[in-house]
Each structure stands twice: as structure tokens, then as C-alpha cells.
Amino acid sequence: MELLVLLLVVAWLVYAFVISPASRRAASSANKPGHATSPAPTLRPGVVTECHVAGFPHCVNCTGPESIDMFVPGMLLEAVRESSNHYDPMAIMLMLAGRKVGYVPRAANRVHALHIDAGGELRVRVESVNRYDMWSGVSIRVANL
């Protein structure tokens, strides 16, 4: 009985840490740009998304609420497509005065990334700033032009 339990535990560990991650890697590589199953870039002018700047504290090396004061409602951010991003092949980096300040969140970037890939442009405008919320305190509006 103990041998059977031991074999089941070993089989589960092999599946959980060897087989399953390999199958997830294969599935995620199928969604990378240039792969046969990747969606074709399409121009979709007029699409607007309201979200927050993702990753701001990591990109700017924040030291406190004063770090977020660089953002002013109404200011425009530059959107740069980052298709070589290891974590998200649909990544759109946000820049302010040549400095990376974050990304369009993964949940909101797909339609905008495909628009850029098809030759379109984005306008990213800061809508509001909550200086006491470092993770989602900079609200933006992303619009396909």
C-alpha cells in the first residue's frame, strides 16, 4: 500500500512539474507573433480602452507618492509596441519624455497591439492620478487613431 501511494505521488509530481509546464510552454508559443495561429494585424480605428498604467512602480523605481507626481491629467504618453517582450508578446510600453513608465495592461492591449502591427497609431492620455495608489493610480485612455 505504501509503495502504491509513493508511486502515485511521484507520478503526480512528474506531471505537475515536468509534463504540465512543457505543455503550457508549447501552448503559449503557439500564440506568439509570427506563428501560424497568431491573429492577423488589423486596423481598428476608433477603439477606446480605459485602464491604468501597469507596472508603474517597477519601471520608475518608485520611492513614494511623490514619484507619481510626474503624471498630470491630460498629458499624452508615447506608446511603443514591444513584440519581443518575453512575458507578453502583445506588450505596449508607455514612455514619458523618453523614459519607460509602464505598460498598457495585458487584459487591454491585444486590440491595440494588432492595430499598431497593422500600421496604426495610438493616443494614450492620462485621465486621472491617485498619488496614494501606486499600482493602479494612473488611469489612462488608449485610443486607436
N, C-alpha and C. Protein backbone atom coordinates (compact mmCIF):
# COMPACT_ATOMS: atom_id res chain seq x y z
N MET A 1 0.83 -1.19 0.00
CA MET A 1 0.00 0.00 0.00
C MET A 1 0.88 1.27 0.00
N GLU A 2 1.92 1.30 0.84
CA GLU A 2 2.80 2.46 0.90
C GLU A 2 3.51 2.67 -0.44
N LEU A 3 3.90 1.57 -1.11
CA LEU A 3 4.56 1.67 -2.39
C LEU A 3 3.62 2.28 -3.43
N LEU A 4 2.35 1.89 -3.40
CA LEU A 4 1.37 2.42 -4.34
C LEU A 4 1.19 3.93 -4.13
N VAL A 5 1.09 4.36 -2.88
CA VAL A 5 0.94 5.79 -2.57
C VAL A 5 2.18 6.55 -3.04
N LEU A 6 3.36 5.99 -2.79
CA LEU A 6 4.60 6.62 -3.21
C LEU A 6 4.66 6.76 -4.74
N LEU A 7 4.24 5.72 -5.46
CA LEU A 7 4.22 5.79 -6.92
C LEU A 7 3.24 6.84 -7.43
N LEU A 8 2.10 6.94 -6.80
CA LEU A 8 1.11 7.94 -7.20
C LEU A 8 1.65 9.36 -6.95
N VAL A 9 2.31 9.57 -5.83
CA VAL A 9 2.87 10.89 -5.53
C VAL A 9 3.96 11.24 -6.54
N VAL A 10 4.83 10.30 -6.87
CA VAL A 10 5.89 10.54 -7.84
C VAL A 10 5.29 10.84 -9.21
N ALA A 11 4.27 10.08 -9.61
CA ALA A 11 3.63 10.31 -10.90
C ALA A 11 3.00 11.71 -10.94
N TRP A 12 2.35 12.11 -9.86
CA TRP A 12 1.74 13.43 -9.82
C TRP A 12 2.80 14.52 -9.90
N LEU A 13 3.91 14.36 -9.18
CA LEU A 13 4.99 15.34 -9.21
C LEU A 13 5.60 15.46 -10.61
N VAL A 14 5.79 14.35 -11.28
CA VAL A 14 6.33 14.38 -12.64
C VAL A 14 5.38 15.13 -13.56
N TYR A 15 4.09 14.85 -13.43
CA TYR A 15 3.10 15.55 -14.27
C TYR A 15 3.08 17.04 -13.95
N ALA A 16 3.01 17.37 -12.66
CA ALA A 16 2.84 18.76 -12.24
C ALA A 16 4.05 19.63 -12.57
N PHE A 17 5.26 19.07 -12.48
CA PHE A 17 6.44 19.91 -12.63
C PHE A 17 7.24 19.67 -13.90
N VAL A 18 6.92 18.61 -14.65
CA VAL A 18 7.67 18.33 -15.87
C VAL A 18 6.77 18.36 -17.10
N ILE A 19 5.74 17.55 -17.09
CA ILE A 19 4.89 17.42 -18.28
C ILE A 19 3.99 18.64 -18.45
N SER A 20 3.31 19.07 -17.39
CA SER A 20 2.38 20.18 -17.50
C SER A 20 3.05 21.50 -17.91
N PRO A 21 4.18 21.89 -17.30
CA PRO A 21 4.83 23.14 -17.76
C PRO A 21 5.28 23.08 -19.21
N ALA A 22 5.74 21.91 -19.66
CA ALA A 22 6.15 21.78 -21.06
C ALA A 22 4.97 21.98 -22.00
N SER A 23 3.81 21.44 -21.62
CA SER A 23 2.64 21.62 -22.48
C SER A 23 2.14 23.06 -22.45
N ARG A 24 2.29 23.74 -21.29
CA ARG A 24 1.90 25.16 -21.23
C ARG A 24 2.83 26.01 -22.08
N ARG A 25 4.14 25.69 -22.06
CA ARG A 25 5.09 26.43 -22.90
C ARG A 25 4.76 26.25 -24.37
N ALA A 26 4.42 25.02 -24.76
CA ALA A 26 4.09 24.77 -26.16
C ALA A 26 2.83 25.53 -26.55
N ALA A 27 1.85 25.58 -25.66
CA ALA A 27 0.61 26.29 -25.96
C ALA A 27 0.84 27.79 -26.04
N SER A 28 1.69 28.33 -25.14
CA SER A 28 1.93 29.77 -25.19
C SER A 28 2.76 30.17 -26.39
N SER A 29 3.65 29.29 -26.85
CA SER A 29 4.46 29.64 -28.02
C SER A 29 3.61 29.66 -29.29
N ALA A 30 2.47 28.98 -29.24
CA ALA A 30 1.58 28.99 -30.41
C ALA A 30 0.92 30.34 -30.58
N ASN A 31 0.89 31.18 -29.52
CA ASN A 31 0.23 32.48 -29.59
C ASN A 31 1.20 33.62 -29.86
N LYS A 32 2.47 33.33 -30.08
CA LYS A 32 3.45 34.39 -30.31
C LYS A 32 3.32 34.93 -31.73
N PRO A 33 3.64 36.21 -31.92
CA PRO A 33 3.56 36.79 -33.25
C PRO A 33 4.42 36.02 -34.25
N GLY A 34 3.91 35.90 -35.45
CA GLY A 34 4.64 35.19 -36.48
C GLY A 34 4.28 33.72 -36.55
N HIS A 35 3.61 33.20 -35.54
CA HIS A 35 3.21 31.80 -35.55
C HIS A 35 1.94 31.67 -36.39
N ALA A 36 1.73 30.50 -36.92
CA ALA A 36 0.61 30.29 -37.84
C ALA A 36 -0.74 30.61 -37.21
N THR A 37 -0.87 30.48 -35.88
CA THR A 37 -2.17 30.72 -35.25
C THR A 37 -2.32 32.16 -34.76
N SER A 38 -1.30 32.99 -34.92
CA SER A 38 -1.41 34.38 -34.48
C SER A 38 -2.43 35.12 -35.34
N PRO A 39 -3.23 35.98 -34.69
CA PRO A 39 -4.20 36.74 -35.47
C PRO A 39 -3.50 37.72 -36.41
N ALA A 40 -4.12 37.97 -37.52
CA ALA A 40 -3.55 38.92 -38.48
C ALA A 40 -3.72 40.33 -37.94
N PRO A 41 -2.70 41.17 -38.08
CA PRO A 41 -2.84 42.56 -37.66
C PRO A 41 -3.99 43.23 -38.41
N THR A 42 -4.81 43.97 -37.69
CA THR A 42 -5.94 44.64 -38.32
C THR A 42 -6.05 46.06 -37.80
N LEU A 43 -6.32 46.98 -38.71
CA LEU A 43 -6.57 48.36 -38.33
C LEU A 43 -7.98 48.46 -37.76
N ARG A 44 -8.09 49.00 -36.57
CA ARG A 44 -9.40 49.18 -35.94
C ARG A 44 -9.47 50.56 -35.33
N PRO A 45 -9.57 51.59 -36.18
CA PRO A 45 -9.65 52.95 -35.64
C PRO A 45 -10.91 53.14 -34.82
N GLY A 46 -10.81 54.01 -33.83
CA GLY A 46 -11.98 54.33 -33.01
C GLY A 46 -12.11 53.49 -31.76
N VAL A 47 -11.34 52.41 -31.61
CA VAL A 47 -11.42 51.59 -30.40
C VAL A 47 -10.78 52.36 -29.25
N VAL A 48 -11.49 52.47 -28.14
CA VAL A 48 -11.01 53.21 -26.98
C VAL A 48 -11.08 52.30 -25.76
N THR A 49 -10.02 52.29 -24.97
CA THR A 49 -9.97 51.50 -23.74
C THR A 49 -9.55 52.39 -22.60
N GLU A 50 -10.26 52.27 -21.48
CA GLU A 50 -9.86 52.99 -20.28
C GLU A 50 -9.31 51.97 -19.30
N CYS A 51 -8.10 52.22 -18.80
CA CYS A 51 -7.43 51.28 -17.91
C CYS A 51 -6.41 52.06 -17.07
N HIS A 52 -5.47 51.38 -16.49
CA HIS A 52 -4.42 52.04 -15.70
C HIS A 52 -3.06 51.70 -16.28
N VAL A 53 -2.04 52.43 -15.86
CA VAL A 53 -0.67 52.12 -16.28
C VAL A 53 -0.20 50.93 -15.45
N ALA A 54 0.08 49.82 -16.13
CA ALA A 54 0.53 48.60 -15.43
C ALA A 54 2.04 48.66 -15.22
N GLY A 55 2.48 48.18 -14.07
CA GLY A 55 3.91 48.06 -13.80
C GLY A 55 4.62 49.35 -13.46
N PHE A 56 3.87 50.41 -13.21
CA PHE A 56 4.50 51.71 -12.94
C PHE A 56 5.55 51.65 -11.83
N PRO A 57 5.26 51.06 -10.67
CA PRO A 57 6.27 51.07 -9.61
C PRO A 57 7.57 50.36 -9.99
N HIS A 58 7.48 49.34 -10.83
CA HIS A 58 8.68 48.62 -11.25
C HIS A 58 9.50 49.44 -12.25
N CYS A 59 8.84 50.11 -13.14
CA CYS A 59 9.54 50.82 -14.22
C CYS A 59 10.20 52.11 -13.76
N VAL A 60 9.62 52.77 -12.82
CA VAL A 60 10.09 54.10 -12.44
C VAL A 60 10.94 54.07 -11.17
N ASN A 61 11.02 52.90 -10.51
CA ASN A 61 11.77 52.78 -9.26
C ASN A 61 11.19 53.74 -8.23
N CYS A 62 9.91 53.56 -7.94
CA CYS A 62 9.18 54.47 -7.08
C CYS A 62 9.71 54.50 -5.66
N THR A 63 9.69 55.67 -5.09
CA THR A 63 10.12 55.85 -3.71
C THR A 63 8.98 56.33 -2.82
N GLY A 64 7.84 56.59 -3.40
CA GLY A 64 6.71 57.05 -2.61
C GLY A 64 5.72 57.81 -3.47
N PRO A 65 4.71 58.41 -2.84
CA PRO A 65 3.68 59.12 -3.59
C PRO A 65 4.21 60.23 -4.49
N GLU A 66 5.36 60.81 -4.15
CA GLU A 66 5.89 61.90 -4.99
C GLU A 66 6.32 61.39 -6.36
N SER A 67 6.61 60.08 -6.50
CA SER A 67 7.02 59.53 -7.79
C SER A 67 5.91 59.62 -8.82
N ILE A 68 4.68 59.53 -8.36
CA ILE A 68 3.54 59.53 -9.27
C ILE A 68 3.20 60.96 -9.73
N ASP A 69 3.80 61.95 -9.08
CA ASP A 69 3.50 63.35 -9.41
C ASP A 69 4.00 63.75 -10.80
N MET A 70 4.78 62.89 -11.46
CA MET A 70 5.23 63.20 -12.82
C MET A 70 4.06 63.17 -13.80
N PHE A 71 2.95 62.52 -13.40
CA PHE A 71 1.78 62.43 -14.26
C PHE A 71 0.80 63.55 -13.95
N VAL A 72 0.26 64.13 -15.01
CA VAL A 72 -0.73 65.20 -14.88
C VAL A 72 -1.91 64.83 -15.79
N PRO A 73 -3.13 64.90 -15.27
CA PRO A 73 -4.27 64.60 -16.14
C PRO A 73 -4.24 65.43 -17.42
N GLY A 74 -4.49 64.77 -18.55
CA GLY A 74 -4.47 65.43 -19.85
C GLY A 74 -3.18 65.25 -20.62
N MET A 75 -2.10 64.87 -19.95
CA MET A 75 -0.83 64.70 -20.67
C MET A 75 -0.87 63.44 -21.53
N LEU A 76 -0.08 63.46 -22.61
CA LEU A 76 -0.02 62.33 -23.53
C LEU A 76 1.23 61.50 -23.24
N LEU A 77 1.08 60.18 -23.34
CA LEU A 77 2.18 59.25 -23.21
C LEU A 77 2.46 58.63 -24.57
N GLU A 78 3.70 58.29 -24.82
CA GLU A 78 4.07 57.64 -26.08
C GLU A 78 3.86 56.14 -25.93
N ALA A 79 3.23 55.52 -26.92
CA ALA A 79 3.01 54.07 -26.93
C ALA A 79 4.01 53.43 -27.89
N VAL A 80 4.77 52.46 -27.38
CA VAL A 80 5.78 51.77 -28.19
C VAL A 80 5.50 50.28 -28.15
N ARG A 81 5.27 49.69 -29.30
CA ARG A 81 5.00 48.25 -29.40
C ARG A 81 6.26 47.48 -29.03
N GLU A 82 6.12 46.49 -28.17
CA GLU A 82 7.25 45.70 -27.69
C GLU A 82 6.95 44.22 -27.94
N SER A 83 6.95 43.81 -29.21
CA SER A 83 6.58 42.44 -29.57
C SER A 83 7.60 41.41 -29.09
N SER A 84 8.81 41.84 -28.75
CA SER A 84 9.83 40.91 -28.27
C SER A 84 9.76 40.71 -26.76
N ASN A 85 8.75 41.26 -26.10
CA ASN A 85 8.61 41.12 -24.65
C ASN A 85 8.40 39.65 -24.31
N HIS A 86 9.25 39.13 -23.44
CA HIS A 86 9.23 37.71 -23.08
C HIS A 86 7.95 37.33 -22.34
N TYR A 87 7.40 38.24 -21.56
CA TYR A 87 6.24 37.94 -20.74
C TYR A 87 4.91 38.14 -21.46
N ASP A 88 4.90 39.04 -22.44
CA ASP A 88 3.65 39.33 -23.15
C ASP A 88 3.97 39.76 -24.58
N PRO A 89 3.78 38.88 -25.56
CA PRO A 89 4.11 39.23 -26.94
C PRO A 89 3.22 40.34 -27.52
N MET A 90 2.16 40.73 -26.84
CA MET A 90 1.30 41.82 -27.29
C MET A 90 1.59 43.11 -26.50
N ALA A 91 2.72 43.18 -25.84
CA ALA A 91 3.04 44.29 -24.92
C ALA A 91 3.12 45.63 -25.65
N ILE A 92 2.62 46.66 -24.97
CA ILE A 92 2.73 48.04 -25.43
C ILE A 92 3.34 48.84 -24.28
N MET A 93 4.58 49.27 -24.48
CA MET A 93 5.30 50.03 -23.47
C MET A 93 4.85 51.49 -23.53
N LEU A 94 4.75 52.12 -22.37
CA LEU A 94 4.39 53.52 -22.28
C LEU A 94 5.60 54.33 -21.86
N MET A 95 5.85 55.43 -22.59
CA MET A 95 7.02 56.27 -22.36
C MET A 95 6.57 57.70 -22.06
N LEU A 96 7.36 58.36 -21.21
CA LEU A 96 7.14 59.77 -20.90
C LEU A 96 8.51 60.44 -20.96
N ALA A 97 8.68 61.34 -21.90
CA ALA A 97 9.95 62.06 -22.09
C ALA A 97 11.11 61.08 -22.27
N GLY A 98 10.89 60.02 -23.06
CA GLY A 98 11.95 59.06 -23.34
C GLY A 98 12.22 58.06 -22.24
N ARG A 99 11.40 58.05 -21.21
CA ARG A 99 11.60 57.16 -20.06
C ARG A 99 10.42 56.19 -19.95
N LYS A 100 10.72 54.90 -19.79
CA LYS A 100 9.66 53.90 -19.65
C LYS A 100 8.97 54.09 -18.31
N VAL A 101 7.63 54.22 -18.36
CA VAL A 101 6.86 54.42 -17.14
C VAL A 101 5.87 53.29 -16.88
N GLY A 102 5.77 52.33 -17.78
CA GLY A 102 4.86 51.21 -17.57
C GLY A 102 4.37 50.63 -18.87
N TYR A 103 3.24 49.93 -18.80
CA TYR A 103 2.68 49.24 -19.95
C TYR A 103 1.16 49.39 -19.96
N VAL A 104 0.57 49.21 -21.14
CA VAL A 104 -0.87 49.02 -21.23
C VAL A 104 -1.12 47.63 -20.65
N PRO A 105 -2.07 47.46 -19.72
CA PRO A 105 -2.28 46.16 -19.10
C PRO A 105 -2.56 45.06 -20.13
N ARG A 106 -2.08 43.85 -19.82
CA ARG A 106 -2.24 42.71 -20.72
C ARG A 106 -3.72 42.49 -21.09
N ALA A 107 -4.61 42.68 -20.15
CA ALA A 107 -6.03 42.45 -20.42
C ALA A 107 -6.61 43.43 -21.43
N ALA A 108 -5.91 44.55 -21.67
CA ALA A 108 -6.44 45.59 -22.56
C ALA A 108 -5.60 45.82 -23.80
N ASN A 109 -4.48 45.11 -23.96
CA ASN A 109 -3.55 45.51 -25.01
C ASN A 109 -3.72 44.81 -26.36
N ARG A 110 -4.42 43.73 -26.45
CA ARG A 110 -4.45 42.92 -27.67
C ARG A 110 -4.94 43.70 -28.89
N VAL A 111 -6.12 44.32 -28.79
CA VAL A 111 -6.68 45.02 -29.95
C VAL A 111 -5.79 46.20 -30.35
N HIS A 112 -5.18 46.84 -29.37
CA HIS A 112 -4.30 47.97 -29.67
C HIS A 112 -2.98 47.50 -30.29
N ALA A 113 -2.45 46.38 -29.81
CA ALA A 113 -1.21 45.85 -30.38
C ALA A 113 -1.41 45.44 -31.84
N LEU A 114 -2.53 44.80 -32.13
CA LEU A 114 -2.81 44.41 -33.52
C LEU A 114 -2.99 45.64 -34.40
N HIS A 115 -3.57 46.69 -33.85
CA HIS A 115 -3.74 47.95 -34.58
C HIS A 115 -2.37 48.55 -34.92
N ILE A 116 -1.45 48.57 -33.97
CA ILE A 116 -0.10 49.08 -34.21
C ILE A 116 0.61 48.21 -35.25
N ASP A 117 0.49 46.88 -35.10
CA ASP A 117 1.15 45.96 -36.03
C ASP A 117 0.67 46.17 -37.47
N ALA A 118 -0.56 46.63 -37.62
CA ALA A 118 -1.11 46.87 -38.96
C ALA A 118 -0.76 48.27 -39.48
N GLY A 119 0.04 49.02 -38.72
CA GLY A 119 0.46 50.34 -39.18
C GLY A 119 -0.30 51.49 -38.54
N GLY A 120 -1.20 51.19 -37.62
CA GLY A 120 -1.98 52.24 -36.97
C GLY A 120 -1.20 52.92 -35.85
N GLU A 121 -1.77 53.98 -35.33
CA GLU A 121 -1.17 54.73 -34.23
C GLU A 121 -2.12 54.76 -33.05
N LEU A 122 -1.55 55.00 -31.86
CA LEU A 122 -2.34 55.12 -30.64
C LEU A 122 -2.17 56.50 -30.04
N ARG A 123 -3.19 56.93 -29.33
CA ARG A 123 -3.07 58.11 -28.46
C ARG A 123 -3.36 57.62 -27.05
N VAL A 124 -2.42 57.85 -26.15
CA VAL A 124 -2.58 57.46 -24.76
C VAL A 124 -2.56 58.72 -23.92
N ARG A 125 -3.69 58.98 -23.25
CA ARG A 125 -3.83 60.21 -22.46
C ARG A 125 -4.08 59.85 -21.00
N VAL A 126 -3.40 60.54 -20.10
CA VAL A 126 -3.62 60.36 -18.66
C VAL A 126 -4.96 60.99 -18.32
N GLU A 127 -5.83 60.20 -17.70
CA GLU A 127 -7.16 60.68 -17.33
C GLU A 127 -7.21 61.20 -15.89
N SER A 128 -6.63 60.43 -14.97
CA SER A 128 -6.63 60.84 -13.57
C SER A 128 -5.44 60.23 -12.85
N VAL A 129 -5.10 60.83 -11.71
CA VAL A 129 -3.95 60.37 -10.93
C VAL A 129 -4.36 60.30 -9.46
N ASN A 130 -4.14 59.14 -8.85
CA ASN A 130 -4.35 58.97 -7.42
C ASN A 130 -2.98 58.71 -6.82
N ARG A 131 -2.38 59.71 -6.22
CA ARG A 131 -0.99 59.59 -5.78
C ARG A 131 -0.81 58.63 -4.62
N TYR A 132 -1.89 58.12 -4.02
CA TYR A 132 -1.76 57.18 -2.91
C TYR A 132 -2.01 55.73 -3.33
N ASP A 133 -2.16 55.50 -4.63
CA ASP A 133 -2.35 54.14 -5.14
C ASP A 133 -1.27 53.90 -6.20
N MET A 134 -0.14 53.36 -5.81
CA MET A 134 1.00 53.22 -6.71
C MET A 134 0.74 52.18 -7.81
N TRP A 135 -0.11 51.18 -7.55
CA TRP A 135 -0.27 50.08 -8.51
C TRP A 135 -1.28 50.39 -9.61
N SER A 136 -2.33 51.10 -9.29
CA SER A 136 -3.31 51.41 -10.34
C SER A 136 -3.76 52.86 -10.26
N GLY A 137 -2.91 53.73 -9.75
CA GLY A 137 -3.29 55.11 -9.52
C GLY A 137 -3.25 56.02 -10.72
N VAL A 138 -2.66 55.55 -11.85
CA VAL A 138 -2.61 56.39 -13.04
C VAL A 138 -3.59 55.81 -14.06
N SER A 139 -4.75 56.45 -14.20
CA SER A 139 -5.76 56.00 -15.15
C SER A 139 -5.48 56.62 -16.51
N ILE A 140 -5.58 55.79 -17.55
CA ILE A 140 -5.30 56.25 -18.92
C ILE A 140 -6.44 55.90 -19.85
N ARG A 141 -6.47 56.60 -20.97
CA ARG A 141 -7.40 56.30 -22.06
C ARG A 141 -6.56 56.02 -23.28
N VAL A 142 -6.70 54.82 -23.83
CA VAL A 142 -5.94 54.39 -25.01
C VAL A 142 -6.90 54.38 -26.19
N ALA A 143 -6.56 55.13 -27.25
CA ALA A 143 -7.43 55.23 -28.42
C ALA A 143 -6.67 54.90 -29.69
N ASN A 144 -7.26 54.03 -30.51
CA ASN A 144 -6.70 53.75 -31.83
C ASN A 144 -7.03 54.91 -32.74
N LEU A 145 -6.02 55.42 -33.46
CA LEU A 145 -6.23 56.51 -34.40
C LEU A 145 -6.32 55.99 -35.82
